[in-house]
Amino acid sequence: GLVYATIGHNLLTWLSTIYLWAPPPAIDTDTLLYVLGAMLG
């Protein structure tokens, strides 16, 4: 999820503007970072 939120989403948004696709959905990074931070802690 973190890779998608930081790299994948931006890459897919860029590709969607080039190829006129529907923009990709964004994810709730607040919840993601909360869970990931707790696990890393």
Full PDB file with SEQRES, HELIX, SHEET, SSBOND, CRYST1, ORIGX, SCALE, CONECT and MASTER records, all heavy atoms in Angstrom:
SEQRES   1 A   41  GLY LEU VAL TYR ALA THR ILE GLY HIS ASN LEU LEU THR          
SEQRES   2 A   41  TRP LEU SER THR ILE TYR LEU TRP ALA PRO PRO PRO ALA          
SEQRES   3 A   41  ILE ASP THR ASP THR LEU LEU TYR VAL LEU GLY ALA MET          
SEQRES   4 A   41  LEU GLY                                                      
HELIX    1 AA1 LEU A    2  VAL A    3  1                                   2    
HELIX    2 AA2 TYR A    4  GLY A    8  3                                   5    
HELIX    3 AA3 HIS A    9  TYR A   19  1                                  11    
HELIX    4 AA4 THR A   29  LEU A   40  1                                  12    
CRYST1    1.000    1.000    1.000  90.00  90.00  90.00 P 1           1          
ORIGX1      1.000000  0.000000  0.000000        0.00000                         
ORIGX2      0.000000  1.000000  0.000000        0.00000                         
ORIGX3      0.000000  0.000000  1.000000        0.00000                         
SCALE1      1.000000  0.000000  0.000000        0.00000                         
SCALE2      0.000000  1.000000  0.000000        0.00000                         
SCALE3      0.000000  0.000000  1.000000        0.00000                         
ATOM      1  N   GLY A   1       0.815  -1.215   0.000  1.00  0.00           N  
ATOM      2  CA  GLY A   1       0.000   0.000   0.000  1.00  0.00           C  
ATOM      3  C   GLY A   1       0.845   1.259   0.000  1.00  0.00           C  
ATOM      4  O   GLY A   1       0.526   2.239  -0.681  1.00  0.00           O  
ATOM      5  N   LEU A   2       1.938   1.250   0.745  1.00  0.00           N  
ATOM      6  CA  LEU A   2       2.830   2.411   0.782  1.00  0.00           C  
ATOM      7  C   LEU A   2       3.505   2.635  -0.572  1.00  0.00           C  
ATOM      8  O   LEU A   2       3.616   3.767  -1.045  1.00  0.00           O  
ATOM      9  CB  LEU A   2       3.879   2.236   1.878  1.00  0.00           C  
ATOM     10  CG  LEU A   2       4.814   3.417   2.104  1.00  0.00           C  
ATOM     11  CD1 LEU A   2       4.042   4.648   2.564  1.00  0.00           C  
ATOM     12  CD2 LEU A   2       5.885   3.065   3.111  1.00  0.00           C  
ATOM     13  N   VAL A   3       3.926   1.551  -1.219  1.00  0.00           N  
ATOM     14  CA  VAL A   3       4.531   1.668  -2.556  1.00  0.00           C  
ATOM     15  C   VAL A   3       3.507   2.220  -3.544  1.00  0.00           C  
ATOM     16  O   VAL A   3       3.817   3.094  -4.352  1.00  0.00           O  
ATOM     17  CB  VAL A   3       5.100   0.309  -3.033  1.00  0.00           C  
ATOM     18  CG1 VAL A   3       5.454   0.345  -4.495  1.00  0.00           C  
ATOM     19  CG2 VAL A   3       6.311  -0.069  -2.204  1.00  0.00           C  
ATOM     20  N   TYR A   4       2.278   1.716  -3.468  1.00  0.00           N  
ATOM     21  CA  TYR A   4       1.239   2.234  -4.365  1.00  0.00           C  
ATOM     22  C   TYR A   4       0.970   3.715  -4.101  1.00  0.00           C  
ATOM     23  O   TYR A   4       0.876   4.510  -5.041  1.00  0.00           O  
ATOM     24  CB  TYR A   4      -0.063   1.443  -4.215  1.00  0.00           C  
ATOM     25  CG  TYR A   4      -1.188   2.036  -5.018  1.00  0.00           C  
ATOM     26  CD1 TYR A   4      -1.250   1.872  -6.391  1.00  0.00           C  
ATOM     27  CD2 TYR A   4      -2.171   2.816  -4.409  1.00  0.00           C  
ATOM     28  CE1 TYR A   4      -2.265   2.448  -7.139  1.00  0.00           C  
ATOM     29  CE2 TYR A   4      -3.187   3.394  -5.146  1.00  0.00           C  
ATOM     30  CZ  TYR A   4      -3.234   3.203  -6.511  1.00  0.00           C  
ATOM     31  OH  TYR A   4      -4.230   3.787  -7.249  1.00  0.00           O  
ATOM     32  N   ALA A   5       0.855   4.087  -2.819  1.00  0.00           N  
ATOM     33  CA  ALA A   5       0.529   5.472  -2.473  1.00  0.00           C  
ATOM     34  C   ALA A   5       1.629   6.446  -2.874  1.00  0.00           C  
ATOM     35  O   ALA A   5       1.341   7.585  -3.251  1.00  0.00           O  
ATOM     36  CB  ALA A   5       0.248   5.588  -0.976  1.00  0.00           C  
ATOM     37  N   THR A   6       2.891   6.024  -2.803  1.00  0.00           N  
ATOM     38  CA  THR A   6       3.986   6.949  -3.083  1.00  0.00           C  
ATOM     39  C   THR A   6       4.485   6.906  -4.521  1.00  0.00           C  
ATOM     40  O   THR A   6       4.881   7.929  -5.061  1.00  0.00           O  
ATOM     41  CB  THR A   6       5.181   6.673  -2.150  1.00  0.00           C  
ATOM     42  OG1 THR A   6       5.586   5.314  -2.301  1.00  0.00           O  
ATOM     43  CG2 THR A   6       4.815   6.941  -0.708  1.00  0.00           C  
ATOM     44  N   ILE A   7       4.443   5.736  -5.142  1.00  0.00           N  
ATOM     45  CA  ILE A   7       4.989   5.607  -6.495  1.00  0.00           C  
ATOM     46  C   ILE A   7       3.904   5.221  -7.505  1.00  0.00           C  
ATOM     47  O   ILE A   7       3.728   5.873  -8.526  1.00  0.00           O  
ATOM     48  CB  ILE A   7       6.132   4.566  -6.532  1.00  0.00           C  
ATOM     49  CG1 ILE A   7       7.271   5.015  -5.628  1.00  0.00           C  
ATOM     50  CG2 ILE A   7       6.629   4.364  -7.962  1.00  0.00           C  
ATOM     51  CD1 ILE A   7       8.349   3.979  -5.423  1.00  0.00           C  
ATOM     52  N   GLY A   8       3.187   4.139  -7.193  1.00  0.00           N  
ATOM     53  CA  GLY A   8       2.222   3.593  -8.139  1.00  0.00           C  
ATOM     54  C   GLY A   8       1.117   4.557  -8.518  1.00  0.00           C  
ATOM     55  O   GLY A   8       0.785   4.693  -9.704  1.00  0.00           O  
ATOM     56  N   HIS A   9       0.554   5.238  -7.538  1.00  0.00           N  
ATOM     57  CA  HIS A   9      -0.540   6.169  -7.819  1.00  0.00           C  
ATOM     58  C   HIS A   9      -0.070   7.301  -8.729  1.00  0.00           C  
ATOM     59  O   HIS A   9      -0.747   7.660  -9.690  1.00  0.00           O  
ATOM     60  CB  HIS A   9      -1.120   6.720  -6.519  1.00  0.00           C  
ATOM     61  CG  HIS A   9      -2.316   7.585  -6.738  1.00  0.00           C  
ATOM     62  ND1 HIS A   9      -2.226   8.950  -6.810  1.00  0.00           N  
ATOM     63  CD2 HIS A   9      -3.619   7.272  -6.926  1.00  0.00           C  
ATOM     64  CE1 HIS A   9      -3.427   9.449  -7.026  1.00  0.00           C  
ATOM     65  NE2 HIS A   9      -4.288   8.446  -7.087  1.00  0.00           N  
ATOM     66  N   ASN A  10       1.093   7.851  -8.434  1.00  0.00           N  
ATOM     67  CA  ASN A  10       1.621   8.949  -9.270  1.00  0.00           C  
ATOM     68  C   ASN A  10       1.916   8.464 -10.684  1.00  0.00           C  
ATOM     69  O   ASN A  10       1.625   9.161 -11.669  1.00  0.00           O  
ATOM     70  CB  ASN A  10       2.877   9.539  -8.649  1.00  0.00           C  
ATOM     71  CG  ASN A  10       2.593  10.243  -7.351  1.00  0.00           C  
ATOM     72  OD1 ASN A  10       1.505  10.764  -7.139  1.00  0.00           O  
ATOM     73  ND2 ASN A  10       3.563  10.246  -6.466  1.00  0.00           N  
ATOM     74  N   LEU A  11       2.493   7.284 -10.810  1.00  0.00           N  
ATOM     75  CA  LEU A  11       2.807   6.728 -12.125  1.00  0.00           C  
ATOM     76  C   LEU A  11       1.526   6.452 -12.913  1.00  0.00           C  
ATOM     77  O   LEU A  11       1.428   6.789 -14.102  1.00  0.00           O  
ATOM     78  CB  LEU A  11       3.637   5.459 -11.974  1.00  0.00           C  
ATOM     79  CG  LEU A  11       4.072   4.765 -13.257  1.00  0.00           C  
ATOM     80  CD1 LEU A  11       4.991   5.668 -14.067  1.00  0.00           C  
ATOM     81  CD2 LEU A  11       4.763   3.458 -12.936  1.00  0.00           C  
ATOM     82  N   LEU A  12       0.544   5.852 -12.262  1.00  0.00           N  
ATOM     83  CA  LEU A  12      -0.717   5.564 -12.951  1.00  0.00           C  
ATOM     84  C   LEU A  12      -1.483   6.839 -13.301  1.00  0.00           C  
ATOM     85  O   LEU A  12      -2.145   6.897 -14.345  1.00  0.00           O  
ATOM     86  CB  LEU A  12      -1.582   4.644 -12.091  1.00  0.00           C  
ATOM     87  CG  LEU A  12      -1.072   3.204 -11.968  1.00  0.00           C  
ATOM     88  CD1 LEU A  12      -1.926   2.427 -10.988  1.00  0.00           C  
ATOM     89  CD2 LEU A  12      -1.041   2.511 -13.313  1.00  0.00           C  
ATOM     90  N   THR A  13      -1.394   7.859 -12.460  1.00  0.00           N  
ATOM     91  CA  THR A  13      -2.034   9.140 -12.782  1.00  0.00           C  
ATOM     92  C   THR A  13      -1.387   9.757 -14.016  1.00  0.00           C  
ATOM     93  O   THR A  13      -2.073  10.266 -14.912  1.00  0.00           O  
ATOM     94  CB  THR A  13      -1.932  10.103 -11.586  1.00  0.00           C  
ATOM     95  OG1 THR A  13      -2.579   9.510 -10.467  1.00  0.00           O  
ATOM     96  CG2 THR A  13      -2.563  11.444 -11.894  1.00  0.00           C  
ATOM     97  N   TRP A  14      -0.070   9.702 -14.076  1.00  0.00           N  
ATOM     98  CA  TRP A  14       0.653  10.219 -15.239  1.00  0.00           C  
ATOM     99  C   TRP A  14       0.261   9.462 -16.502  1.00  0.00           C  
ATOM    100  O   TRP A  14      -0.029  10.069 -17.543  1.00  0.00           O  
ATOM    101  CB  TRP A  14       2.157  10.117 -14.969  1.00  0.00           C  
ATOM    102  CG  TRP A  14       3.024  10.526 -16.105  1.00  0.00           C  
ATOM    103  CD1 TRP A  14       3.161  11.766 -16.647  1.00  0.00           C  
ATOM    104  CD2 TRP A  14       3.877   9.664 -16.855  1.00  0.00           C  
ATOM    105  NE1 TRP A  14       4.055  11.735 -17.679  1.00  0.00           N  
ATOM    106  CE2 TRP A  14       4.519  10.445 -17.834  1.00  0.00           C  
ATOM    107  CE3 TRP A  14       4.181   8.314 -16.791  1.00  0.00           C  
ATOM    108  CZ2 TRP A  14       5.417   9.917 -18.740  1.00  0.00           C  
ATOM    109  CZ3 TRP A  14       5.086   7.792 -17.696  1.00  0.00           C  
ATOM    110  CH2 TRP A  14       5.691   8.591 -18.654  1.00  0.00           C  
ATOM    111  N   LEU A  15       0.231   8.119 -16.413  1.00  0.00           N  
ATOM    112  CA  LEU A  15      -0.150   7.319 -17.578  1.00  0.00           C  
ATOM    113  C   LEU A  15      -1.602   7.549 -17.977  1.00  0.00           C  
ATOM    114  O   LEU A  15      -1.931   7.540 -19.174  1.00  0.00           O  
ATOM    115  CB  LEU A  15       0.088   5.829 -17.295  1.00  0.00           C  
ATOM    116  CG  LEU A  15       1.547   5.389 -17.236  1.00  0.00           C  
ATOM    117  CD1 LEU A  15       1.646   3.938 -16.785  1.00  0.00           C  
ATOM    118  CD2 LEU A  15       2.225   5.589 -18.582  1.00  0.00           C  
ATOM    119  N   SER A  16      -2.471   7.775 -16.994  1.00  0.00           N  
ATOM    120  CA  SER A  16      -3.881   7.995 -17.321  1.00  0.00           C  
ATOM    121  C   SER A  16      -4.093   9.303 -18.076  1.00  0.00           C  
ATOM    122  O   SER A  16      -4.999   9.402 -18.909  1.00  0.00           O  
ATOM    123  CB  SER A  16      -4.738   7.963 -16.056  1.00  0.00           C  
ATOM    124  OG  SER A  16      -4.501   9.095 -15.255  1.00  0.00           O  
ATOM    125  N   THR A  17      -3.250  10.305 -17.814  1.00  0.00           N  
ATOM    126  CA  THR A  17      -3.379  11.556 -18.561  1.00  0.00           C  
ATOM    127  C   THR A  17      -2.849  11.402 -19.983  1.00  0.00           C  
ATOM    128  O   THR A  17      -3.369  12.010 -20.908  1.00  0.00           O  
ATOM    129  CB  THR A  17      -2.647  12.712 -17.858  1.00  0.00           C  
ATOM    130  OG1 THR A  17      -1.282  12.377 -17.693  1.00  0.00           O  
ATOM    131  CG2 THR A  17      -3.268  13.020 -16.521  1.00  0.00           C  
ATOM    132  N   ILE A  18      -1.835  10.571 -20.160  1.00  0.00           N  
ATOM    133  CA  ILE A  18      -1.277  10.355 -21.501  1.00  0.00           C  
ATOM    134  C   ILE A  18      -2.240   9.541 -22.367  1.00  0.00           C  
ATOM    135  O   ILE A  18      -2.508   9.881 -23.520  1.00  0.00           O  
ATOM    136  CB  ILE A  18       0.095   9.653 -21.408  1.00  0.00           C  
ATOM    137  CG1 ILE A  18       1.120  10.593 -20.779  1.00  0.00           C  
ATOM    138  CG2 ILE A  18       0.564   9.186 -22.783  1.00  0.00           C  
ATOM    139  CD1 ILE A  18       2.460   9.950 -20.494  1.00  0.00           C  
ATOM    140  N   TYR A  19      -2.759   8.454 -21.794  1.00  0.00           N  
ATOM    141  CA  TYR A  19      -3.594   7.526 -22.571  1.00  0.00           C  
ATOM    142  C   TYR A  19      -5.093   7.760 -22.392  1.00  0.00           C  
ATOM    143  O   TYR A  19      -5.902   6.970 -22.858  1.00  0.00           O  
ATOM    144  CB  TYR A  19      -3.241   6.085 -22.207  1.00  0.00           C  
ATOM    145  CG  TYR A  19      -1.843   5.711 -22.630  1.00  0.00           C  
ATOM    146  CD1 TYR A  19      -0.833   5.558 -21.689  1.00  0.00           C  
ATOM    147  CD2 TYR A  19      -1.521   5.533 -23.966  1.00  0.00           C  
ATOM    148  CE1 TYR A  19       0.453   5.225 -22.066  1.00  0.00           C  
ATOM    149  CE2 TYR A  19      -0.244   5.205 -24.363  1.00  0.00           C  
ATOM    150  CZ  TYR A  19       0.748   5.048 -23.402  1.00  0.00           C  
ATOM    151  OH  TYR A  19       2.018   4.729 -23.789  1.00  0.00           O  
ATOM    152  N   LEU A  20      -5.460   8.841 -21.706  1.00  0.00           N  
ATOM    153  CA  LEU A  20      -6.849   9.219 -21.497  1.00  0.00           C  
ATOM    154  C   LEU A  20      -7.656   8.117 -20.797  1.00  0.00           C  
ATOM    155  O   LEU A  20      -8.799   7.840 -21.136  1.00  0.00           O  
ATOM    156  CB  LEU A  20      -7.510   9.610 -22.829  1.00  0.00           C  
ATOM    157  CG  LEU A  20      -6.836  10.755 -23.588  1.00  0.00           C  
ATOM    158  CD1 LEU A  20      -7.511  10.979 -24.919  1.00  0.00           C  
ATOM    159  CD2 LEU A  20      -6.837  12.019 -22.752  1.00  0.00           C  
ATOM    160  N   TRP A  21      -7.050   7.493 -19.816  1.00  0.00           N  
ATOM    161  CA  TRP A  21      -7.732   6.516 -18.972  1.00  0.00           C  
ATOM    162  C   TRP A  21      -8.410   7.245 -17.830  1.00  0.00           C  
ATOM    163  O   TRP A  21      -8.132   8.405 -17.544  1.00  0.00           O  
ATOM    164  CB  TRP A  21      -6.756   5.518 -18.361  1.00  0.00           C  
ATOM    165  CG  TRP A  21      -5.986   4.679 -19.332  1.00  0.00           C  
ATOM    166  CD1 TRP A  21      -6.339   4.351 -20.612  1.00  0.00           C  
ATOM    167  CD2 TRP A  21      -4.722   4.061 -19.096  1.00  0.00           C  
ATOM    168  NE1 TRP A  21      -5.367   3.555 -21.174  1.00  0.00           N  
ATOM    169  CE2 TRP A  21      -4.369   3.363 -20.276  1.00  0.00           C  
ATOM    170  CE3 TRP A  21      -3.860   4.015 -18.015  1.00  0.00           C  
ATOM    171  CZ2 TRP A  21      -3.201   2.633 -20.382  1.00  0.00           C  
ATOM    172  CZ3 TRP A  21      -2.689   3.291 -18.132  1.00  0.00           C  
ATOM    173  CH2 TRP A  21      -2.361   2.601 -19.301  1.00  0.00           C  
ATOM    174  N   ALA A  22      -9.258   6.520 -17.146  1.00  0.00           N  
ATOM    175  CA  ALA A  22      -9.834   7.064 -15.909  1.00  0.00           C  
ATOM    176  C   ALA A  22      -8.719   7.130 -14.858  1.00  0.00           C  
ATOM    177  O   ALA A  22      -7.869   6.237 -14.798  1.00  0.00           O  
ATOM    178  CB  ALA A  22     -10.964   6.174 -15.417  1.00  0.00           C  
ATOM    179  N   PRO A  23      -8.698   8.180 -14.063  1.00  0.00           N  
ATOM    180  CA  PRO A  23      -7.634   8.276 -13.050  1.00  0.00           C  
ATOM    181  C   PRO A  23      -7.757   7.165 -12.009  1.00  0.00           C  
ATOM    182  O   PRO A  23      -8.861   6.739 -11.680  1.00  0.00           O  
ATOM    183  CB  PRO A  23      -7.839   9.645 -12.422  1.00  0.00           C  
ATOM    184  CG  PRO A  23      -9.230  10.023 -12.763  1.00  0.00           C  
ATOM    185  CD  PRO A  23      -9.599   9.316 -14.023  1.00  0.00           C  
ATOM    186  N   PRO A  24      -6.630   6.709 -11.492  1.00  0.00           N  
ATOM    187  CA  PRO A  24      -6.664   5.628 -10.501  1.00  0.00           C  
ATOM    188  C   PRO A  24      -7.184   6.127  -9.154  1.00  0.00           C  
ATOM    189  O   PRO A  24      -7.072   7.313  -8.837  1.00  0.00           O  
ATOM    190  CB  PRO A  24      -5.199   5.207 -10.383  1.00  0.00           C  
ATOM    191  CG  PRO A  24      -4.444   6.450 -10.712  1.00  0.00           C  
ATOM    192  CD  PRO A  24      -5.264   7.149 -11.760  1.00  0.00           C  
ATOM    193  N   PRO A  25      -7.737   5.222  -8.364  1.00  0.00           N  
ATOM    194  CA  PRO A  25      -8.236   5.650  -7.048  1.00  0.00           C  
ATOM    195  C   PRO A  25      -7.091   5.909  -6.077  1.00  0.00           C  
ATOM    196  O   PRO A  25      -6.059   5.243  -6.121  1.00  0.00           O  
ATOM    197  CB  PRO A  25      -9.070   4.451  -6.591  1.00  0.00           C  
ATOM    198  CG  PRO A  25      -8.469   3.284  -7.296  1.00  0.00           C  
ATOM    199  CD  PRO A  25      -7.986   3.814  -8.622  1.00  0.00           C  
ATOM    200  N   ALA A  26      -7.294   6.881  -5.237  1.00  0.00           N  
ATOM    201  CA  ALA A  26      -6.326   7.146  -4.163  1.00  0.00           C  
ATOM    202  C   ALA A  26      -6.715   6.294  -2.959  1.00  0.00           C  
ATOM    203  O   ALA A  26      -7.862   5.886  -2.823  1.00  0.00           O  
ATOM    204  CB  ALA A  26      -6.339   8.626  -3.802  1.00  0.00           C  
ATOM    205  N   ILE A  27      -5.753   6.020  -2.099  1.00  0.00           N  
ATOM    206  CA  ILE A  27      -6.047   5.253  -0.897  1.00  0.00           C  
ATOM    207  C   ILE A  27      -5.899   6.144   0.328  1.00  0.00           C  
ATOM    208  O   ILE A  27      -5.252   7.198   0.283  1.00  0.00           O  
ATOM    209  CB  ILE A  27      -5.141   4.007  -0.776  1.00  0.00           C  
ATOM    210  CG1 ILE A  27      -3.670   4.396  -0.717  1.00  0.00           C  
ATOM    211  CG2 ILE A  27      -5.395   3.054  -1.908  1.00  0.00           C  
ATOM    212  CD1 ILE A  27      -2.753   3.229  -0.424  1.00  0.00           C  
ATOM    213  N   ASP A  28      -6.484   5.712   1.424  1.00  0.00           N  
ATOM    214  CA  ASP A  28      -6.433   6.455   2.682  1.00  0.00           C  
ATOM    215  C   ASP A  28      -5.058   6.229   3.324  1.00  0.00           C  
ATOM    216  O   ASP A  28      -4.839   5.229   3.993  1.00  0.00           O  
ATOM    217  CB  ASP A  28      -7.552   5.988   3.605  1.00  0.00           C  
ATOM    218  CG  ASP A  28      -7.555   6.718   4.930  1.00  0.00           C  
ATOM    219  OD1 ASP A  28      -6.882   7.765   5.042  1.00  0.00           O  
ATOM    220  OD2 ASP A  28      -8.219   6.239   5.853  1.00  0.00           O  
ATOM    221  N   THR A  29      -4.139   7.131   3.115  1.00  0.00           N  
ATOM    222  CA  THR A  29      -2.786   6.949   3.640  1.00  0.00           C  
ATOM    223  C   THR A  29      -2.701   7.183   5.141  1.00  0.00           C  
ATOM    224  O   THR A  29      -1.760   6.715   5.775  1.00  0.00           O  
ATOM    225  CB  THR A  29      -1.787   7.874   2.915  1.00  0.00           C  
ATOM    226  OG1 THR A  29      -2.232   9.220   3.018  1.00  0.00           O  
ATOM    227  CG2 THR A  29      -1.638   7.482   1.462  1.00  0.00           C  
ATOM    228  N   ASP A  30      -3.673   7.881   5.718  1.00  0.00           N  
ATOM    229  CA  ASP A  30      -3.650   8.085   7.172  1.00  0.00           C  
ATOM    230  C   ASP A  30      -3.733   6.748   7.905  1.00  0.00           C  
ATOM    231  O   ASP A  30      -2.931   6.461   8.794  1.00  0.00           O  
ATOM    232  CB  ASP A  30      -4.795   8.991   7.613  1.00  0.00           C  
ATOM    233  CG  ASP A  30      -4.632  10.424   7.137  1.00  0.00           C  
ATOM    234  OD1 ASP A  30      -3.485  10.815   6.830  1.00  0.00           O  
ATOM    235  OD2 ASP A  30      -5.649  11.136   7.072  1.00  0.00           O  
ATOM    236  N   THR A  31      -4.698   5.929   7.509  1.00  0.00           N  
ATOM    237  CA  THR A  31      -4.852   4.616   8.132  1.00  0.00           C  
ATOM    238  C   THR A  31      -3.652   3.732   7.814  1.00  0.00           C  
ATOM    239  O   THR A  31      -3.138   3.029   8.692  1.00  0.00           O  
ATOM    240  CB  THR A  31      -6.148   3.948   7.641  1.00  0.00           C  
ATOM    241  OG1 THR A  31      -7.241   4.809   7.920  1.00  0.00           O  
ATOM    242  CG2 THR A  31      -6.359   2.601   8.295  1.00  0.00           C  
ATOM    243  N   LEU A  32      -3.209   3.766   6.577  1.00  0.00           N  
ATOM    244  CA  LEU A  32      -2.066   2.954   6.158  1.00  0.00           C  
ATOM    245  C   LEU A  32      -0.821   3.287   6.977  1.00  0.00           C  
ATOM    246  O   LEU A  32      -0.156   2.390   7.497  1.00  0.00           O  
ATOM    247  CB  LEU A  32      -1.785   3.189   4.669  1.00  0.00           C  
ATOM    248  CG  LEU A  32      -0.517   2.565   4.114  1.00  0.00           C  
ATOM    249  CD1 LEU A  32      -0.644   1.054   4.080  1.00  0.00           C  
ATOM    250  CD2 LEU A  32      -0.238   3.102   2.734  1.00  0.00           C  
ATOM    251  N   LEU A  33      -0.509   4.552   7.113  1.00  0.00           N  
ATOM    252  CA  LEU A  33       0.689   4.953   7.856  1.00  0.00           C  
ATOM    253  C   LEU A  33       0.552   4.677   9.344  1.00  0.00           C  
ATOM    254  O   LEU A  33       1.542   4.373  10.010  1.00  0.00           O  
ATOM    255  CB  LEU A  33       1.007   6.422   7.597  1.00  0.00           C  
ATOM    256  CG  LEU A  33       1.456   6.726   6.169  1.00  0.00           C  
ATOM    257  CD1 LEU A  33       1.639   8.224   5.977  1.00  0.00           C  
ATOM    258  CD2 LEU A  33       2.727   5.987   5.822  1.00  0.00           C  
ATOM    259  N   TYR A  34      -0.658   4.753   9.861  1.00  0.00           N  
ATOM    260  CA  TYR A  34      -0.893   4.426  11.266  1.00  0.00           C  
ATOM    261  C   TYR A  34      -0.566   2.956  11.537  1.00  0.00           C  
ATOM    262  O   TYR A  34       0.165   2.628  12.466  1.00  0.00           O  
ATOM    263  CB  TYR A  34      -2.343   4.740  11.635  1.00  0.00           C  
ATOM    264  CG  TYR A  34      -2.696   4.417  13.060  1.00  0.00           C  
ATOM    265  CD1 TYR A  34      -2.291   5.249  14.090  1.00  0.00           C  
ATOM    266  CD2 TYR A  34      -3.422   3.277  13.375  1.00  0.00           C  
ATOM    267  CE1 TYR A  34      -2.605   4.962  15.408  1.00  0.00           C  
ATOM    268  CE2 TYR A  34      -3.744   2.979  14.679  1.00  0.00           C  
ATOM    269  CZ  TYR A  34      -3.326   3.828  15.697  1.00  0.00           C  
ATOM    270  OH  TYR A  34      -3.634   3.528  16.983  1.00  0.00           O  
ATOM    271  N   VAL A  35      -1.084   2.064  10.687  1.00  0.00           N  
ATOM    272  CA  VAL A  35      -0.832   0.625  10.856  1.00  0.00           C  
ATOM    273  C   VAL A  35       0.637   0.303  10.615  1.00  0.00           C  
ATOM    274  O   VAL A  35       1.269  -0.422  11.393  1.00  0.00           O  
ATOM    275  CB  VAL A  35      -1.731  -0.193   9.903  1.00  0.00           C  
ATOM    276  CG1 VAL A  35      -1.348  -1.658   9.902  1.00  0.00           C  
ATOM    277  CG2 VAL A  35      -3.191  -0.023  10.283  1.00  0.00           C  
ATOM    278  N   LEU A  36       1.205   0.844   9.557  1.00  0.00           N  
ATOM    279  CA  LEU A  36       2.611   0.577   9.241  1.00  0.00           C  
ATOM    280  C   LEU A  36       3.535   1.119  10.329  1.00  0.00           C  
ATOM    281  O   LEU A  36       4.482   0.448  10.741  1.00  0.00           O  
ATOM    282  CB  LEU A  36       2.969   1.178   7.883  1.00  0.00           C  
ATOM    283  CG  LEU A  36       4.339   0.854   7.322  1.00  0.00           C  
ATOM    284  CD1 LEU A  36       4.510  -0.653   7.163  1.00  0.00           C  
ATOM    285  CD2 LEU A  36       4.551   1.555   5.999  1.00  0.00           C  
ATOM    286  N   GLY A  37       3.253   2.313  10.812  1.00  0.00           N  
ATOM    287  CA  GLY A  37       4.071   2.885  11.885  1.00  0.00           C  
ATOM    288  C   GLY A  37       4.001   2.073  13.158  1.00  0.00           C  
ATOM    289  O   GLY A  37       5.010   1.876  13.847  1.00  0.00           O  
ATOM    290  N   ALA A  38       2.817   1.576  13.476  1.00  0.00           N  
ATOM    291  CA  ALA A  38       2.673   0.736  14.664  1.00  0.00           C  
ATOM    292  C   ALA A  38       3.473  -0.554  14.511  1.00  0.00           C  
ATOM    293  O   ALA A  38       4.162  -0.987  15.437  1.00  0.00           O  
ATOM    294  CB  ALA A  38       1.204   0.426  14.915  1.00  0.00           C  
ATOM    295  N   MET A  39       3.404  -1.153  13.337  1.00  0.00           N  
ATOM    296  CA  MET A  39       4.152  -2.402  13.125  1.00  0.00           C  
ATOM    297  C   MET A  39       5.661  -2.162  13.161  1.00  0.00           C  
ATOM    298  O   MET A  39       6.408  -2.942  13.731  1.00  0.00           O  
ATOM    299  CB  MET A  39       3.755  -3.044  11.804  1.00  0.00           C  
ATOM    300  CG  MET A  39       2.376  -3.627  11.837  1.00  0.00           C  
ATOM    301  SD  MET A  39       2.079  -4.687  10.437  1.00  0.00           S  
ATOM    302  CE  MET A  39       3.139  -6.058  10.827  1.00  0.00           C  
ATOM    303  N   LEU A  40       6.102  -1.094  12.545  1.00  0.00           N  
ATOM    304  CA  LEU A  40       7.539  -0.797  12.553  1.00  0.00           C  
ATOM    305  C   LEU A  40       8.008  -0.428  13.948  1.00  0.00           C  
ATOM    306  O   LEU A  40       9.125  -0.760  14.339  1.00  0.00           O  
ATOM    307  CB  LEU A  40       7.853   0.320  11.562  1.00  0.00           C  
ATOM    308  CG  LEU A  40       7.693  -0.055  10.090  1.00  0.00           C  
ATOM    309  CD1 LEU A  40       7.898   1.175   9.218  1.00  0.00           C  
ATOM    310  CD2 LEU A  40       8.629  -1.171   9.692  1.00  0.00           C  
ATOM    311  N   GLY A  41       7.180   0.247  14.708  1.00  0.00           N  
ATOM    312  CA  GLY A  41       7.535   0.580  16.083  1.00  0.00           C  
ATOM    313  C   GLY A  41       7.691  -0.653  16.936  1.00  0.00           C  
ATOM    314  O   GLY A  41       8.630  -0.781  17.720  1.00  0.00           O  
TER     315      GLY A  41                                                      
MASTER        0    0    0    4    0    0    0    6  314    1    0    4          
END                                                                             
